[in-house]
Amino acid sequence: MLPIDQVQLHFNPATLAGLNVILGLVMFGIALDLRWPTFALLQVPQRGWCWRRWATTSSFRP
């Protein structure tokens, strides 16, 4: 076991509430940047799938 695995963090309730708010704002900011074509990355590629053909379609927006 590495020494970093033994580290314990202790937060008081006020600090924990603040961290939850900050984490929520970060997650909300990331969610605002997501678009429907992004979820196409989660689909399982069909037979005959080609990276080059997928990357050149108009729905691909990095």
C-alpha atoms as a PDB file:
ATOM      1  CA  MET A   1       0.000   0.000   0.000  1.00  0.00           C
ATOM      2  CA  LEU A   2       1.372   3.396  -0.971  1.00  0.00           C
ATOM      3  CA  PRO A   3       1.559   6.238   1.558  1.00  0.00           C
ATOM      4  CA  ILE A   4      -0.936   8.267  -0.510  1.00  0.00           C
ATOM      5  CA  ASP A   5      -3.530   5.528   0.051  1.00  0.00           C
ATOM      6  CA  GLN A   6      -3.400   6.159   3.788  1.00  0.00           C
ATOM      7  CA  VAL A   7      -4.257   9.867   3.569  1.00  0.00           C
ATOM      8  CA  GLN A   8      -7.561  10.791   5.197  1.00  0.00           C
ATOM      9  CA  LEU A   9      -9.321  14.099   4.602  1.00  0.00           C
ATOM     10  CA  HIS A  10     -11.606  15.495   7.285  1.00  0.00           C
ATOM     11  CA  PHE A  11     -14.095  18.213   6.346  1.00  0.00           C
ATOM     12  CA  ASN A  12     -16.440  20.043   8.655  1.00  0.00           C
ATOM     13  CA  PRO A  13     -20.064  20.347   7.450  1.00  0.00           C
ATOM     14  CA  ALA A  14     -19.720  23.999   6.357  1.00  0.00           C
ATOM     15  CA  THR A  15     -16.668  23.252   4.220  1.00  0.00           C
ATOM     16  CA  LEU A  16     -18.328  20.163   2.775  1.00  0.00           C
ATOM     17  CA  ALA A  17     -21.391  22.198   1.760  1.00  0.00           C
ATOM     18  CA  GLY A  18     -19.119  24.724   0.040  1.00  0.00           C
ATOM     19  CA  LEU A  19     -17.294  21.975  -1.828  1.00  0.00           C
ATOM     20  CA  ASN A  20     -20.621  20.493  -2.927  1.00  0.00           C
ATOM     21  CA  VAL A  21     -21.715  23.864  -4.343  1.00  0.00           C
ATOM     22  CA  ILE A  22     -18.425  24.317  -6.203  1.00  0.00           C
ATOM     23  CA  LEU A  23     -18.562  20.769  -7.579  1.00  0.00           C
ATOM     24  CA  GLY A  24     -22.164  21.329  -8.677  1.00  0.00           C
ATOM     25  CA  LEU A  25     -21.195  24.518 -10.531  1.00  0.00           C
ATOM     26  CA  VAL A  26     -18.332  22.739 -12.288  1.00  0.00           C
ATOM     27  CA  MET A  27     -20.616  19.889 -13.353  1.00  0.00           C
ATOM     28  CA  PHE A  28     -23.252  22.361 -14.549  1.00  0.00           C
ATOM     29  CA  GLY A  29     -20.636  24.234 -16.579  1.00  0.00           C
ATOM     30  CA  ILE A  30     -19.531  21.011 -18.235  1.00  0.00           C
ATOM     31  CA  ALA A  31     -23.144  20.064 -18.954  1.00  0.00           C
ATOM     32  CA  LEU A  32     -23.706  23.405 -20.709  1.00  0.00           C
ATOM     33  CA  ASP A  33     -20.925  22.558 -23.148  1.00  0.00           C
ATOM     34  CA  LEU A  34     -22.386  19.165 -24.139  1.00  0.00           C
ATOM     35  CA  ARG A  35     -24.314  18.854 -27.399  1.00  0.00           C
ATOM     36  CA  TRP A  36     -26.325  15.943 -28.836  1.00  0.00           C
ATOM     37  CA  PRO A  37     -23.598  14.871 -31.307  1.00  0.00           C
ATOM     38  CA  THR A  38     -21.305  14.355 -28.307  1.00  0.00           C
ATOM     39  CA  PHE A  39     -23.522  11.496 -27.159  1.00  0.00           C
ATOM     40  CA  ALA A  40     -22.986   9.771 -30.510  1.00  0.00           C
ATOM     41  CA  LEU A  41     -19.527   8.895 -29.187  1.00  0.00           C
ATOM     42  CA  LEU A  42     -21.206   6.515 -26.713  1.00  0.00           C
ATOM     43  CA  GLN A  43     -22.854   4.420 -29.414  1.00  0.00           C
ATOM     44  CA  VAL A  44     -21.342   1.083 -30.310  1.00  0.00           C
ATOM     45  CA  PRO A  45     -19.848   1.253 -33.799  1.00  0.00           C
ATOM     46  CA  GLN A  46     -21.729  -0.744 -36.390  1.00  0.00           C
ATOM     47  CA  ARG A  47     -20.188  -3.232 -38.765  1.00  0.00           C
ATOM     48  CA  GLY A  48     -18.018  -1.533 -41.342  1.00  0.00           C
ATOM     49  CA  TRP A  49     -17.403   1.477 -39.133  1.00  0.00           C
ATOM     50  CA  CYS A  50     -14.527   3.633 -40.290  1.00  0.00           C
ATOM     51  CA  TRP A  51     -12.838   6.313 -38.175  1.00  0.00           C
ATOM     52  CA  ARG A  52     -11.980   8.437 -41.187  1.00  0.00           C
ATOM     53  CA  ARG A  53     -15.564   8.415 -42.481  1.00  0.00           C
ATOM     54  CA  TRP A  54     -16.915   9.224 -38.994  1.00  0.00           C
ATOM     55  CA  ALA A  55     -14.479  12.106 -38.422  1.00  0.00           C
ATOM     56  CA  THR A  56     -15.350  13.753 -41.722  1.00  0.00           C
ATOM     57  CA  THR A  57     -19.131  13.850 -41.230  1.00  0.00           C
ATOM     58  CA  SER A  58     -20.774  17.194 -40.614  1.00  0.00           C
ATOM     59  CA  SER A  59     -22.069  16.142 -37.179  1.00  0.00           C
ATOM     60  CA  PHE A  60     -18.511  15.772 -35.838  1.00  0.00           C
ATOM     61  CA  ARG A  61     -17.613  18.828 -33.772  1.00  0.00           C
ATOM     62  CA  PRO A  62     -14.530  18.474 -31.528  1.00  0.00           C
END
